[in-house]
Amino acid sequence: YEMDYEKLAEAINENTKVVIPVDIG
């Protein structure tokens, strides 16, 4: 149910300011 943290790293660029993880359940 969690983000793929390798894909999270790939998505980050110079415009990224915030990441919102979700504690589902």
PDBML (XML) file of the C-alpha atoms, coordinates in Angstrom:
<?xml version="1.0" encoding="UTF-8" ?>
<PDBx:datablock datablockName="MODEL"
   xmlns:PDBx="http://pdbml.pdb.org/schema/pdbx-v50.xsd"
   xmlns:xsi="http://www.w3.org/2001/XMLSchema-instance"
   xsi:schemaLocation="http://pdbml.pdb.org/schema/pdbx-v50.xsd pdbx-v50.xsd">
   <PDBx:atom_siteCategory>
      <PDBx:atom_site id="1">
         <PDBx:B_iso_or_equiv>0.00</PDBx:B_iso_or_equiv>
         <PDBx:Cartn_x>0.000</PDBx:Cartn_x>
         <PDBx:Cartn_y>0.000</PDBx:Cartn_y>
         <PDBx:Cartn_z>0.000</PDBx:Cartn_z>
         <PDBx:auth_asym_id>A</PDBx:auth_asym_id>
         <PDBx:auth_atom_id>CA</PDBx:auth_atom_id>
         <PDBx:auth_comp_id>TYR</PDBx:auth_comp_id>
         <PDBx:auth_seq_id>1</PDBx:auth_seq_id>
         <PDBx:group_PDB>ATOM</PDBx:group_PDB>
         <PDBx:label_alt_id xsi:nil="true" />
         <PDBx:label_asym_id>A</PDBx:label_asym_id>
         <PDBx:label_atom_id>CA</PDBx:label_atom_id>
         <PDBx:label_comp_id>TYR</PDBx:label_comp_id>
         <PDBx:label_entity_id>1</PDBx:label_entity_id>
         <PDBx:label_seq_id>1</PDBx:label_seq_id>
         <PDBx:occupancy>1.00</PDBx:occupancy>
         <PDBx:pdbx_PDB_model_num>1</PDBx:pdbx_PDB_model_num>
         <PDBx:type_symbol>C</PDBx:type_symbol>
      </PDBx:atom_site>
      <PDBx:atom_site id="2">
         <PDBx:B_iso_or_equiv>0.00</PDBx:B_iso_or_equiv>
         <PDBx:Cartn_x>3.086</PDBx:Cartn_x>
         <PDBx:Cartn_y>2.250</PDBx:Cartn_y>
         <PDBx:Cartn_z>0.146</PDBx:Cartn_z>
         <PDBx:auth_asym_id>A</PDBx:auth_asym_id>
         <PDBx:auth_atom_id>CA</PDBx:auth_atom_id>
         <PDBx:auth_comp_id>GLU</PDBx:auth_comp_id>
         <PDBx:auth_seq_id>2</PDBx:auth_seq_id>
         <PDBx:group_PDB>ATOM</PDBx:group_PDB>
         <PDBx:label_alt_id xsi:nil="true" />
         <PDBx:label_asym_id>A</PDBx:label_asym_id>
         <PDBx:label_atom_id>CA</PDBx:label_atom_id>
         <PDBx:label_comp_id>GLU</PDBx:label_comp_id>
         <PDBx:label_entity_id>1</PDBx:label_entity_id>
         <PDBx:label_seq_id>2</PDBx:label_seq_id>
         <PDBx:occupancy>1.00</PDBx:occupancy>
         <PDBx:pdbx_PDB_model_num>1</PDBx:pdbx_PDB_model_num>
         <PDBx:type_symbol>C</PDBx:type_symbol>
      </PDBx:atom_site>
      <PDBx:atom_site id="3">
         <PDBx:B_iso_or_equiv>0.00</PDBx:B_iso_or_equiv>
         <PDBx:Cartn_x>4.784</PDBx:Cartn_x>
         <PDBx:Cartn_y>4.212</PDBx:Cartn_y>
         <PDBx:Cartn_z>-2.600</PDBx:Cartn_z>
         <PDBx:auth_asym_id>A</PDBx:auth_asym_id>
         <PDBx:auth_atom_id>CA</PDBx:auth_atom_id>
         <PDBx:auth_comp_id>MET</PDBx:auth_comp_id>
         <PDBx:auth_seq_id>3</PDBx:auth_seq_id>
         <PDBx:group_PDB>ATOM</PDBx:group_PDB>
         <PDBx:label_alt_id xsi:nil="true" />
         <PDBx:label_asym_id>A</PDBx:label_asym_id>
         <PDBx:label_atom_id>CA</PDBx:label_atom_id>
         <PDBx:label_comp_id>MET</PDBx:label_comp_id>
         <PDBx:label_entity_id>1</PDBx:label_entity_id>
         <PDBx:label_seq_id>3</PDBx:label_seq_id>
         <PDBx:occupancy>1.00</PDBx:occupancy>
         <PDBx:pdbx_PDB_model_num>1</PDBx:pdbx_PDB_model_num>
         <PDBx:type_symbol>C</PDBx:type_symbol>
      </PDBx:atom_site>
      <PDBx:atom_site id="4">
         <PDBx:B_iso_or_equiv>0.00</PDBx:B_iso_or_equiv>
         <PDBx:Cartn_x>7.643</PDBx:Cartn_x>
         <PDBx:Cartn_y>2.582</PDBx:Cartn_y>
         <PDBx:Cartn_z>-4.469</PDBx:Cartn_z>
         <PDBx:auth_asym_id>A</PDBx:auth_asym_id>
         <PDBx:auth_atom_id>CA</PDBx:auth_atom_id>
         <PDBx:auth_comp_id>ASP</PDBx:auth_comp_id>
         <PDBx:auth_seq_id>4</PDBx:auth_seq_id>
         <PDBx:group_PDB>ATOM</PDBx:group_PDB>
         <PDBx:label_alt_id xsi:nil="true" />
         <PDBx:label_asym_id>A</PDBx:label_asym_id>
         <PDBx:label_atom_id>CA</PDBx:label_atom_id>
         <PDBx:label_comp_id>ASP</PDBx:label_comp_id>
         <PDBx:label_entity_id>1</PDBx:label_entity_id>
         <PDBx:label_seq_id>4</PDBx:label_seq_id>
         <PDBx:occupancy>1.00</PDBx:occupancy>
         <PDBx:pdbx_PDB_model_num>1</PDBx:pdbx_PDB_model_num>
         <PDBx:type_symbol>C</PDBx:type_symbol>
      </PDBx:atom_site>
      <PDBx:atom_site id="5">
         <PDBx:B_iso_or_equiv>0.00</PDBx:B_iso_or_equiv>
         <PDBx:Cartn_x>10.503</PDBx:Cartn_x>
         <PDBx:Cartn_y>4.604</PDBx:Cartn_y>
         <PDBx:Cartn_z>-2.995</PDBx:Cartn_z>
         <PDBx:auth_asym_id>A</PDBx:auth_asym_id>
         <PDBx:auth_atom_id>CA</PDBx:auth_atom_id>
         <PDBx:auth_comp_id>TYR</PDBx:auth_comp_id>
         <PDBx:auth_seq_id>5</PDBx:auth_seq_id>
         <PDBx:group_PDB>ATOM</PDBx:group_PDB>
         <PDBx:label_alt_id xsi:nil="true" />
         <PDBx:label_asym_id>A</PDBx:label_asym_id>
         <PDBx:label_atom_id>CA</PDBx:label_atom_id>
         <PDBx:label_comp_id>TYR</PDBx:label_comp_id>
         <PDBx:label_entity_id>1</PDBx:label_entity_id>
         <PDBx:label_seq_id>5</PDBx:label_seq_id>
         <PDBx:occupancy>1.00</PDBx:occupancy>
         <PDBx:pdbx_PDB_model_num>1</PDBx:pdbx_PDB_model_num>
         <PDBx:type_symbol>C</PDBx:type_symbol>
      </PDBx:atom_site>
      <PDBx:atom_site id="6">
         <PDBx:B_iso_or_equiv>0.00</PDBx:B_iso_or_equiv>
         <PDBx:Cartn_x>12.792</PDBx:Cartn_x>
         <PDBx:Cartn_y>3.979</PDBx:Cartn_y>
         <PDBx:Cartn_z>-5.983</PDBx:Cartn_z>
         <PDBx:auth_asym_id>A</PDBx:auth_asym_id>
         <PDBx:auth_atom_id>CA</PDBx:auth_atom_id>
         <PDBx:auth_comp_id>GLU</PDBx:auth_comp_id>
         <PDBx:auth_seq_id>6</PDBx:auth_seq_id>
         <PDBx:group_PDB>ATOM</PDBx:group_PDB>
         <PDBx:label_alt_id xsi:nil="true" />
         <PDBx:label_asym_id>A</PDBx:label_asym_id>
         <PDBx:label_atom_id>CA</PDBx:label_atom_id>
         <PDBx:label_comp_id>GLU</PDBx:label_comp_id>
         <PDBx:label_entity_id>1</PDBx:label_entity_id>
         <PDBx:label_seq_id>6</PDBx:label_seq_id>
         <PDBx:occupancy>1.00</PDBx:occupancy>
         <PDBx:pdbx_PDB_model_num>1</PDBx:pdbx_PDB_model_num>
         <PDBx:type_symbol>C</PDBx:type_symbol>
      </PDBx:atom_site>
      <PDBx:atom_site id="7">
         <PDBx:B_iso_or_equiv>0.00</PDBx:B_iso_or_equiv>
         <PDBx:Cartn_x>10.111</PDBx:Cartn_x>
         <PDBx:Cartn_y>5.518</PDBx:Cartn_y>
         <PDBx:Cartn_z>-8.188</PDBx:Cartn_z>
         <PDBx:auth_asym_id>A</PDBx:auth_asym_id>
         <PDBx:auth_atom_id>CA</PDBx:auth_atom_id>
         <PDBx:auth_comp_id>LYS</PDBx:auth_comp_id>
         <PDBx:auth_seq_id>7</PDBx:auth_seq_id>
         <PDBx:group_PDB>ATOM</PDBx:group_PDB>
         <PDBx:label_alt_id xsi:nil="true" />
         <PDBx:label_asym_id>A</PDBx:label_asym_id>
         <PDBx:label_atom_id>CA</PDBx:label_atom_id>
         <PDBx:label_comp_id>LYS</PDBx:label_comp_id>
         <PDBx:label_entity_id>1</PDBx:label_entity_id>
         <PDBx:label_seq_id>7</PDBx:label_seq_id>
         <PDBx:occupancy>1.00</PDBx:occupancy>
         <PDBx:pdbx_PDB_model_num>1</PDBx:pdbx_PDB_model_num>
         <PDBx:type_symbol>C</PDBx:type_symbol>
      </PDBx:atom_site>
      <PDBx:atom_site id="8">
         <PDBx:B_iso_or_equiv>0.00</PDBx:B_iso_or_equiv>
         <PDBx:Cartn_x>9.761</PDBx:Cartn_x>
         <PDBx:Cartn_y>8.348</PDBx:Cartn_y>
         <PDBx:Cartn_z>-5.672</PDBx:Cartn_z>
         <PDBx:auth_asym_id>A</PDBx:auth_asym_id>
         <PDBx:auth_atom_id>CA</PDBx:auth_atom_id>
         <PDBx:auth_comp_id>LEU</PDBx:auth_comp_id>
         <PDBx:auth_seq_id>8</PDBx:auth_seq_id>
         <PDBx:group_PDB>ATOM</PDBx:group_PDB>
         <PDBx:label_alt_id xsi:nil="true" />
         <PDBx:label_asym_id>A</PDBx:label_asym_id>
         <PDBx:label_atom_id>CA</PDBx:label_atom_id>
         <PDBx:label_comp_id>LEU</PDBx:label_comp_id>
         <PDBx:label_entity_id>1</PDBx:label_entity_id>
         <PDBx:label_seq_id>8</PDBx:label_seq_id>
         <PDBx:occupancy>1.00</PDBx:occupancy>
         <PDBx:pdbx_PDB_model_num>1</PDBx:pdbx_PDB_model_num>
         <PDBx:type_symbol>C</PDBx:type_symbol>
      </PDBx:atom_site>
      <PDBx:atom_site id="9">
         <PDBx:B_iso_or_equiv>0.00</PDBx:B_iso_or_equiv>
         <PDBx:Cartn_x>13.460</PDBx:Cartn_x>
         <PDBx:Cartn_y>9.127</PDBx:Cartn_y>
         <PDBx:Cartn_z>-6.081</PDBx:Cartn_z>
         <PDBx:auth_asym_id>A</PDBx:auth_asym_id>
         <PDBx:auth_atom_id>CA</PDBx:auth_atom_id>
         <PDBx:auth_comp_id>ALA</PDBx:auth_comp_id>
         <PDBx:auth_seq_id>9</PDBx:auth_seq_id>
         <PDBx:group_PDB>ATOM</PDBx:group_PDB>
         <PDBx:label_alt_id xsi:nil="true" />
         <PDBx:label_asym_id>A</PDBx:label_asym_id>
         <PDBx:label_atom_id>CA</PDBx:label_atom_id>
         <PDBx:label_comp_id>ALA</PDBx:label_comp_id>
         <PDBx:label_entity_id>1</PDBx:label_entity_id>
         <PDBx:label_seq_id>9</PDBx:label_seq_id>
         <PDBx:occupancy>1.00</PDBx:occupancy>
         <PDBx:pdbx_PDB_model_num>1</PDBx:pdbx_PDB_model_num>
         <PDBx:type_symbol>C</PDBx:type_symbol>
      </PDBx:atom_site>
      <PDBx:atom_site id="10">
         <PDBx:B_iso_or_equiv>0.00</PDBx:B_iso_or_equiv>
         <PDBx:Cartn_x>13.097</PDBx:Cartn_x>
         <PDBx:Cartn_y>9.093</PDBx:Cartn_y>
         <PDBx:Cartn_z>-9.874</PDBx:Cartn_z>
         <PDBx:auth_asym_id>A</PDBx:auth_asym_id>
         <PDBx:auth_atom_id>CA</PDBx:auth_atom_id>
         <PDBx:auth_comp_id>GLU</PDBx:auth_comp_id>
         <PDBx:auth_seq_id>10</PDBx:auth_seq_id>
         <PDBx:group_PDB>ATOM</PDBx:group_PDB>
         <PDBx:label_alt_id xsi:nil="true" />
         <PDBx:label_asym_id>A</PDBx:label_asym_id>
         <PDBx:label_atom_id>CA</PDBx:label_atom_id>
         <PDBx:label_comp_id>GLU</PDBx:label_comp_id>
         <PDBx:label_entity_id>1</PDBx:label_entity_id>
         <PDBx:label_seq_id>10</PDBx:label_seq_id>
         <PDBx:occupancy>1.00</PDBx:occupancy>
         <PDBx:pdbx_PDB_model_num>1</PDBx:pdbx_PDB_model_num>
         <PDBx:type_symbol>C</PDBx:type_symbol>
      </PDBx:atom_site>
      <PDBx:atom_site id="11">
         <PDBx:B_iso_or_equiv>0.00</PDBx:B_iso_or_equiv>
         <PDBx:Cartn_x>10.179</PDBx:Cartn_x>
         <PDBx:Cartn_y>11.547</PDBx:Cartn_y>
         <PDBx:Cartn_z>-9.722</PDBx:Cartn_z>
         <PDBx:auth_asym_id>A</PDBx:auth_asym_id>
         <PDBx:auth_atom_id>CA</PDBx:auth_atom_id>
         <PDBx:auth_comp_id>ALA</PDBx:auth_comp_id>
         <PDBx:auth_seq_id>11</PDBx:auth_seq_id>
         <PDBx:group_PDB>ATOM</PDBx:group_PDB>
         <PDBx:label_alt_id xsi:nil="true" />
         <PDBx:label_asym_id>A</PDBx:label_asym_id>
         <PDBx:label_atom_id>CA</PDBx:label_atom_id>
         <PDBx:label_comp_id>ALA</PDBx:label_comp_id>
         <PDBx:label_entity_id>1</PDBx:label_entity_id>
         <PDBx:label_seq_id>11</PDBx:label_seq_id>
         <PDBx:occupancy>1.00</PDBx:occupancy>
         <PDBx:pdbx_PDB_model_num>1</PDBx:pdbx_PDB_model_num>
         <PDBx:type_symbol>C</PDBx:type_symbol>
      </PDBx:atom_site>
      <PDBx:atom_site id="12">
         <PDBx:B_iso_or_equiv>0.00</PDBx:B_iso_or_equiv>
         <PDBx:Cartn_x>12.042</PDBx:Cartn_x>
         <PDBx:Cartn_y>14.232</PDBx:Cartn_y>
         <PDBx:Cartn_z>-7.752</PDBx:Cartn_z>
         <PDBx:auth_asym_id>A</PDBx:auth_asym_id>
         <PDBx:auth_atom_id>CA</PDBx:auth_atom_id>
         <PDBx:auth_comp_id>ILE</PDBx:auth_comp_id>
         <PDBx:auth_seq_id>12</PDBx:auth_seq_id>
         <PDBx:group_PDB>ATOM</PDBx:group_PDB>
         <PDBx:label_alt_id xsi:nil="true" />
         <PDBx:label_asym_id>A</PDBx:label_asym_id>
         <PDBx:label_atom_id>CA</PDBx:label_atom_id>
         <PDBx:label_comp_id>ILE</PDBx:label_comp_id>
         <PDBx:label_entity_id>1</PDBx:label_entity_id>
         <PDBx:label_seq_id>12</PDBx:label_seq_id>
         <PDBx:occupancy>1.00</PDBx:occupancy>
         <PDBx:pdbx_PDB_model_num>1</PDBx:pdbx_PDB_model_num>
         <PDBx:type_symbol>C</PDBx:type_symbol>
      </PDBx:atom_site>
      <PDBx:atom_site id="13">
         <PDBx:B_iso_or_equiv>0.00</PDBx:B_iso_or_equiv>
         <PDBx:Cartn_x>13.419</PDBx:Cartn_x>
         <PDBx:Cartn_y>17.220</PDBx:Cartn_y>
         <PDBx:Cartn_z>-9.657</PDBx:Cartn_z>
         <PDBx:auth_asym_id>A</PDBx:auth_asym_id>
         <PDBx:auth_atom_id>CA</PDBx:auth_atom_id>
         <PDBx:auth_comp_id>ASN</PDBx:auth_comp_id>
         <PDBx:auth_seq_id>13</PDBx:auth_seq_id>
         <PDBx:group_PDB>ATOM</PDBx:group_PDB>
         <PDBx:label_alt_id xsi:nil="true" />
         <PDBx:label_asym_id>A</PDBx:label_asym_id>
         <PDBx:label_atom_id>CA</PDBx:label_atom_id>
         <PDBx:label_comp_id>ASN</PDBx:label_comp_id>
         <PDBx:label_entity_id>1</PDBx:label_entity_id>
         <PDBx:label_seq_id>13</PDBx:label_seq_id>
         <PDBx:occupancy>1.00</PDBx:occupancy>
         <PDBx:pdbx_PDB_model_num>1</PDBx:pdbx_PDB_model_num>
         <PDBx:type_symbol>C</PDBx:type_symbol>
      </PDBx:atom_site>
      <PDBx:atom_site id="14">
         <PDBx:B_iso_or_equiv>0.00</PDBx:B_iso_or_equiv>
         <PDBx:Cartn_x>14.313</PDBx:Cartn_x>
         <PDBx:Cartn_y>20.867</PDBx:Cartn_y>
         <PDBx:Cartn_z>-9.026</PDBx:Cartn_z>
         <PDBx:auth_asym_id>A</PDBx:auth_asym_id>
         <PDBx:auth_atom_id>CA</PDBx:auth_atom_id>
         <PDBx:auth_comp_id>GLU</PDBx:auth_comp_id>
         <PDBx:auth_seq_id>14</PDBx:auth_seq_id>
         <PDBx:group_PDB>ATOM</PDBx:group_PDB>
         <PDBx:label_alt_id xsi:nil="true" />
         <PDBx:label_asym_id>A</PDBx:label_asym_id>
         <PDBx:label_atom_id>CA</PDBx:label_atom_id>
         <PDBx:label_comp_id>GLU</PDBx:label_comp_id>
         <PDBx:label_entity_id>1</PDBx:label_entity_id>
         <PDBx:label_seq_id>14</PDBx:label_seq_id>
         <PDBx:occupancy>1.00</PDBx:occupancy>
         <PDBx:pdbx_PDB_model_num>1</PDBx:pdbx_PDB_model_num>
         <PDBx:type_symbol>C</PDBx:type_symbol>
      </PDBx:atom_site>
      <PDBx:atom_site id="15">
         <PDBx:B_iso_or_equiv>0.00</PDBx:B_iso_or_equiv>
         <PDBx:Cartn_x>10.633</PDBx:Cartn_x>
         <PDBx:Cartn_y>21.838</PDBx:Cartn_y>
         <PDBx:Cartn_z>-8.949</PDBx:Cartn_z>
         <PDBx:auth_asym_id>A</PDBx:auth_asym_id>
         <PDBx:auth_atom_id>CA</PDBx:auth_atom_id>
         <PDBx:auth_comp_id>ASN</PDBx:auth_comp_id>
         <PDBx:auth_seq_id>15</PDBx:auth_seq_id>
         <PDBx:group_PDB>ATOM</PDBx:group_PDB>
         <PDBx:label_alt_id xsi:nil="true" />
         <PDBx:label_asym_id>A</PDBx:label_asym_id>
         <PDBx:label_atom_id>CA</PDBx:label_atom_id>
         <PDBx:label_comp_id>ASN</PDBx:label_comp_id>
         <PDBx:label_entity_id>1</PDBx:label_entity_id>
         <PDBx:label_seq_id>15</PDBx:label_seq_id>
         <PDBx:occupancy>1.00</PDBx:occupancy>
         <PDBx:pdbx_PDB_model_num>1</PDBx:pdbx_PDB_model_num>
         <PDBx:type_symbol>C</PDBx:type_symbol>
      </PDBx:atom_site>
      <PDBx:atom_site id="16">
         <PDBx:B_iso_or_equiv>0.00</PDBx:B_iso_or_equiv>
         <PDBx:Cartn_x>9.700</PDBx:Cartn_x>
         <PDBx:Cartn_y>19.298</PDBx:Cartn_y>
         <PDBx:Cartn_z>-6.272</PDBx:Cartn_z>
         <PDBx:auth_asym_id>A</PDBx:auth_asym_id>
         <PDBx:auth_atom_id>CA</PDBx:auth_atom_id>
         <PDBx:auth_comp_id>THR</PDBx:auth_comp_id>
         <PDBx:auth_seq_id>16</PDBx:auth_seq_id>
         <PDBx:group_PDB>ATOM</PDBx:group_PDB>
         <PDBx:label_alt_id xsi:nil="true" />
         <PDBx:label_asym_id>A</PDBx:label_asym_id>
         <PDBx:label_atom_id>CA</PDBx:label_atom_id>
         <PDBx:label_comp_id>THR</PDBx:label_comp_id>
         <PDBx:label_entity_id>1</PDBx:label_entity_id>
         <PDBx:label_seq_id>16</PDBx:label_seq_id>
         <PDBx:occupancy>1.00</PDBx:occupancy>
         <PDBx:pdbx_PDB_model_num>1</PDBx:pdbx_PDB_model_num>
         <PDBx:type_symbol>C</PDBx:type_symbol>
      </PDBx:atom_site>
      <PDBx:atom_site id="17">
         <PDBx:B_iso_or_equiv>0.00</PDBx:B_iso_or_equiv>
         <PDBx:Cartn_x>8.888</PDBx:Cartn_x>
         <PDBx:Cartn_y>20.911</PDBx:Cartn_y>
         <PDBx:Cartn_z>-2.948</PDBx:Cartn_z>
         <PDBx:auth_asym_id>A</PDBx:auth_asym_id>
         <PDBx:auth_atom_id>CA</PDBx:auth_atom_id>
         <PDBx:auth_comp_id>LYS</PDBx:auth_comp_id>
         <PDBx:auth_seq_id>17</PDBx:auth_seq_id>
         <PDBx:group_PDB>ATOM</PDBx:group_PDB>
         <PDBx:label_alt_id xsi:nil="true" />
         <PDBx:label_asym_id>A</PDBx:label_asym_id>
         <PDBx:label_atom_id>CA</PDBx:label_atom_id>
         <PDBx:label_comp_id>LYS</PDBx:label_comp_id>
         <PDBx:label_entity_id>1</PDBx:label_entity_id>
         <PDBx:label_seq_id>17</PDBx:label_seq_id>
         <PDBx:occupancy>1.00</PDBx:occupancy>
         <PDBx:pdbx_PDB_model_num>1</PDBx:pdbx_PDB_model_num>
         <PDBx:type_symbol>C</PDBx:type_symbol>
      </PDBx:atom_site>
      <PDBx:atom_site id="18">
         <PDBx:B_iso_or_equiv>0.00</PDBx:B_iso_or_equiv>
         <PDBx:Cartn_x>6.847</PDBx:Cartn_x>
         <PDBx:Cartn_y>18.338</PDBx:Cartn_y>
         <PDBx:Cartn_z>-1.000</PDBx:Cartn_z>
         <PDBx:auth_asym_id>A</PDBx:auth_asym_id>
         <PDBx:auth_atom_id>CA</PDBx:auth_atom_id>
         <PDBx:auth_comp_id>VAL</PDBx:auth_comp_id>
         <PDBx:auth_seq_id>18</PDBx:auth_seq_id>
         <PDBx:group_PDB>ATOM</PDBx:group_PDB>
         <PDBx:label_alt_id xsi:nil="true" />
         <PDBx:label_asym_id>A</PDBx:label_asym_id>
         <PDBx:label_atom_id>CA</PDBx:label_atom_id>
         <PDBx:label_comp_id>VAL</PDBx:label_comp_id>
         <PDBx:label_entity_id>1</PDBx:label_entity_id>
         <PDBx:label_seq_id>18</PDBx:label_seq_id>
         <PDBx:occupancy>1.00</PDBx:occupancy>
         <PDBx:pdbx_PDB_model_num>1</PDBx:pdbx_PDB_model_num>
         <PDBx:type_symbol>C</PDBx:type_symbol>
      </PDBx:atom_site>
      <PDBx:atom_site id="19">
         <PDBx:B_iso_or_equiv>0.00</PDBx:B_iso_or_equiv>
         <PDBx:Cartn_x>6.283</PDBx:Cartn_x>
         <PDBx:Cartn_y>14.597</PDBx:Cartn_y>
         <PDBx:Cartn_z>-0.800</PDBx:Cartn_z>
         <PDBx:auth_asym_id>A</PDBx:auth_asym_id>
         <PDBx:auth_atom_id>CA</PDBx:auth_atom_id>
         <PDBx:auth_comp_id>VAL</PDBx:auth_comp_id>
         <PDBx:auth_seq_id>19</PDBx:auth_seq_id>
         <PDBx:group_PDB>ATOM</PDBx:group_PDB>
         <PDBx:label_alt_id xsi:nil="true" />
         <PDBx:label_asym_id>A</PDBx:label_asym_id>
         <PDBx:label_atom_id>CA</PDBx:label_atom_id>
         <PDBx:label_comp_id>VAL</PDBx:label_comp_id>
         <PDBx:label_entity_id>1</PDBx:label_entity_id>
         <PDBx:label_seq_id>19</PDBx:label_seq_id>
         <PDBx:occupancy>1.00</PDBx:occupancy>
         <PDBx:pdbx_PDB_model_num>1</PDBx:pdbx_PDB_model_num>
         <PDBx:type_symbol>C</PDBx:type_symbol>
      </PDBx:atom_site>
      <PDBx:atom_site id="20">
         <PDBx:B_iso_or_equiv>0.00</PDBx:B_iso_or_equiv>
         <PDBx:Cartn_x>3.108</PDBx:Cartn_x>
         <PDBx:Cartn_y>13.333</PDBx:Cartn_y>
         <PDBx:Cartn_z>0.881</PDBx:Cartn_z>
         <PDBx:auth_asym_id>A</PDBx:auth_asym_id>
         <PDBx:auth_atom_id>CA</PDBx:auth_atom_id>
         <PDBx:auth_comp_id>ILE</PDBx:auth_comp_id>
         <PDBx:auth_seq_id>20</PDBx:auth_seq_id>
         <PDBx:group_PDB>ATOM</PDBx:group_PDB>
         <PDBx:label_alt_id xsi:nil="true" />
         <PDBx:label_asym_id>A</PDBx:label_asym_id>
         <PDBx:label_atom_id>CA</PDBx:label_atom_id>
         <PDBx:label_comp_id>ILE</PDBx:label_comp_id>
         <PDBx:label_entity_id>1</PDBx:label_entity_id>
         <PDBx:label_seq_id>20</PDBx:label_seq_id>
         <PDBx:occupancy>1.00</PDBx:occupancy>
         <PDBx:pdbx_PDB_model_num>1</PDBx:pdbx_PDB_model_num>
         <PDBx:type_symbol>C</PDBx:type_symbol>
      </PDBx:atom_site>
      <PDBx:atom_site id="21">
         <PDBx:B_iso_or_equiv>0.00</PDBx:B_iso_or_equiv>
         <PDBx:Cartn_x>3.338</PDBx:Cartn_x>
         <PDBx:Cartn_y>9.725</PDBx:Cartn_y>
         <PDBx:Cartn_z>2.116</PDBx:Cartn_z>
         <PDBx:auth_asym_id>A</PDBx:auth_asym_id>
         <PDBx:auth_atom_id>CA</PDBx:auth_atom_id>
         <PDBx:auth_comp_id>PRO</PDBx:auth_comp_id>
         <PDBx:auth_seq_id>21</PDBx:auth_seq_id>
         <PDBx:group_PDB>ATOM</PDBx:group_PDB>
         <PDBx:label_alt_id xsi:nil="true" />
         <PDBx:label_asym_id>A</PDBx:label_asym_id>
         <PDBx:label_atom_id>CA</PDBx:label_atom_id>
         <PDBx:label_comp_id>PRO</PDBx:label_comp_id>
         <PDBx:label_entity_id>1</PDBx:label_entity_id>
         <PDBx:label_seq_id>21</PDBx:label_seq_id>
         <PDBx:occupancy>1.00</PDBx:occupancy>
         <PDBx:pdbx_PDB_model_num>1</PDBx:pdbx_PDB_model_num>
         <PDBx:type_symbol>C</PDBx:type_symbol>
      </PDBx:atom_site>
      <PDBx:atom_site id="22">
         <PDBx:B_iso_or_equiv>0.00</PDBx:B_iso_or_equiv>
         <PDBx:Cartn_x>0.055</PDBx:Cartn_x>
         <PDBx:Cartn_y>8.161</PDBx:Cartn_y>
         <PDBx:Cartn_z>3.247</PDBx:Cartn_z>
         <PDBx:auth_asym_id>A</PDBx:auth_asym_id>
         <PDBx:auth_atom_id>CA</PDBx:auth_atom_id>
         <PDBx:auth_comp_id>VAL</PDBx:auth_comp_id>
         <PDBx:auth_seq_id>22</PDBx:auth_seq_id>
         <PDBx:group_PDB>ATOM</PDBx:group_PDB>
         <PDBx:label_alt_id xsi:nil="true" />
         <PDBx:label_asym_id>A</PDBx:label_asym_id>
         <PDBx:label_atom_id>CA</PDBx:label_atom_id>
         <PDBx:label_comp_id>VAL</PDBx:label_comp_id>
         <PDBx:label_entity_id>1</PDBx:label_entity_id>
         <PDBx:label_seq_id>22</PDBx:label_seq_id>
         <PDBx:occupancy>1.00</PDBx:occupancy>
         <PDBx:pdbx_PDB_model_num>1</PDBx:pdbx_PDB_model_num>
         <PDBx:type_symbol>C</PDBx:type_symbol>
      </PDBx:atom_site>
      <PDBx:atom_site id="23">
         <PDBx:B_iso_or_equiv>0.00</PDBx:B_iso_or_equiv>
         <PDBx:Cartn_x>-0.319</PDBx:Cartn_x>
         <PDBx:Cartn_y>6.005</PDBx:Cartn_y>
         <PDBx:Cartn_z>6.375</PDBx:Cartn_z>
         <PDBx:auth_asym_id>A</PDBx:auth_asym_id>
         <PDBx:auth_atom_id>CA</PDBx:auth_atom_id>
         <PDBx:auth_comp_id>ASP</PDBx:auth_comp_id>
         <PDBx:auth_seq_id>23</PDBx:auth_seq_id>
         <PDBx:group_PDB>ATOM</PDBx:group_PDB>
         <PDBx:label_alt_id xsi:nil="true" />
         <PDBx:label_asym_id>A</PDBx:label_asym_id>
         <PDBx:label_atom_id>CA</PDBx:label_atom_id>
         <PDBx:label_comp_id>ASP</PDBx:label_comp_id>
         <PDBx:label_entity_id>1</PDBx:label_entity_id>
         <PDBx:label_seq_id>23</PDBx:label_seq_id>
         <PDBx:occupancy>1.00</PDBx:occupancy>
         <PDBx:pdbx_PDB_model_num>1</PDBx:pdbx_PDB_model_num>
         <PDBx:type_symbol>C</PDBx:type_symbol>
      </PDBx:atom_site>
      <PDBx:atom_site id="24">
         <PDBx:B_iso_or_equiv>0.00</PDBx:B_iso_or_equiv>
         <PDBx:Cartn_x>-3.145</PDBx:Cartn_x>
         <PDBx:Cartn_y>3.913</PDBx:Cartn_y>
         <PDBx:Cartn_z>4.924</PDBx:Cartn_z>
         <PDBx:auth_asym_id>A</PDBx:auth_asym_id>
         <PDBx:auth_atom_id>CA</PDBx:auth_atom_id>
         <PDBx:auth_comp_id>ILE</PDBx:auth_comp_id>
         <PDBx:auth_seq_id>24</PDBx:auth_seq_id>
         <PDBx:group_PDB>ATOM</PDBx:group_PDB>
         <PDBx:label_alt_id xsi:nil="true" />
         <PDBx:label_asym_id>A</PDBx:label_asym_id>
         <PDBx:label_atom_id>CA</PDBx:label_atom_id>
         <PDBx:label_comp_id>ILE</PDBx:label_comp_id>
         <PDBx:label_entity_id>1</PDBx:label_entity_id>
         <PDBx:label_seq_id>24</PDBx:label_seq_id>
         <PDBx:occupancy>1.00</PDBx:occupancy>
         <PDBx:pdbx_PDB_model_num>1</PDBx:pdbx_PDB_model_num>
         <PDBx:type_symbol>C</PDBx:type_symbol>
      </PDBx:atom_site>
      <PDBx:atom_site id="25">
         <PDBx:B_iso_or_equiv>0.00</PDBx:B_iso_or_equiv>
         <PDBx:Cartn_x>-5.193</PDBx:Cartn_x>
         <PDBx:Cartn_y>1.964</PDBx:Cartn_y>
         <PDBx:Cartn_z>7.442</PDBx:Cartn_z>
         <PDBx:auth_asym_id>A</PDBx:auth_asym_id>
         <PDBx:auth_atom_id>CA</PDBx:auth_atom_id>
         <PDBx:auth_comp_id>GLY</PDBx:auth_comp_id>
         <PDBx:auth_seq_id>25</PDBx:auth_seq_id>
         <PDBx:group_PDB>ATOM</PDBx:group_PDB>
         <PDBx:label_alt_id xsi:nil="true" />
         <PDBx:label_asym_id>A</PDBx:label_asym_id>
         <PDBx:label_atom_id>CA</PDBx:label_atom_id>
         <PDBx:label_comp_id>GLY</PDBx:label_comp_id>
         <PDBx:label_entity_id>1</PDBx:label_entity_id>
         <PDBx:label_seq_id>25</PDBx:label_seq_id>
         <PDBx:occupancy>1.00</PDBx:occupancy>
         <PDBx:pdbx_PDB_model_num>1</PDBx:pdbx_PDB_model_num>
         <PDBx:type_symbol>C</PDBx:type_symbol>
      </PDBx:atom_site>
   </PDBx:atom_siteCategory>
</PDBx:datablock>
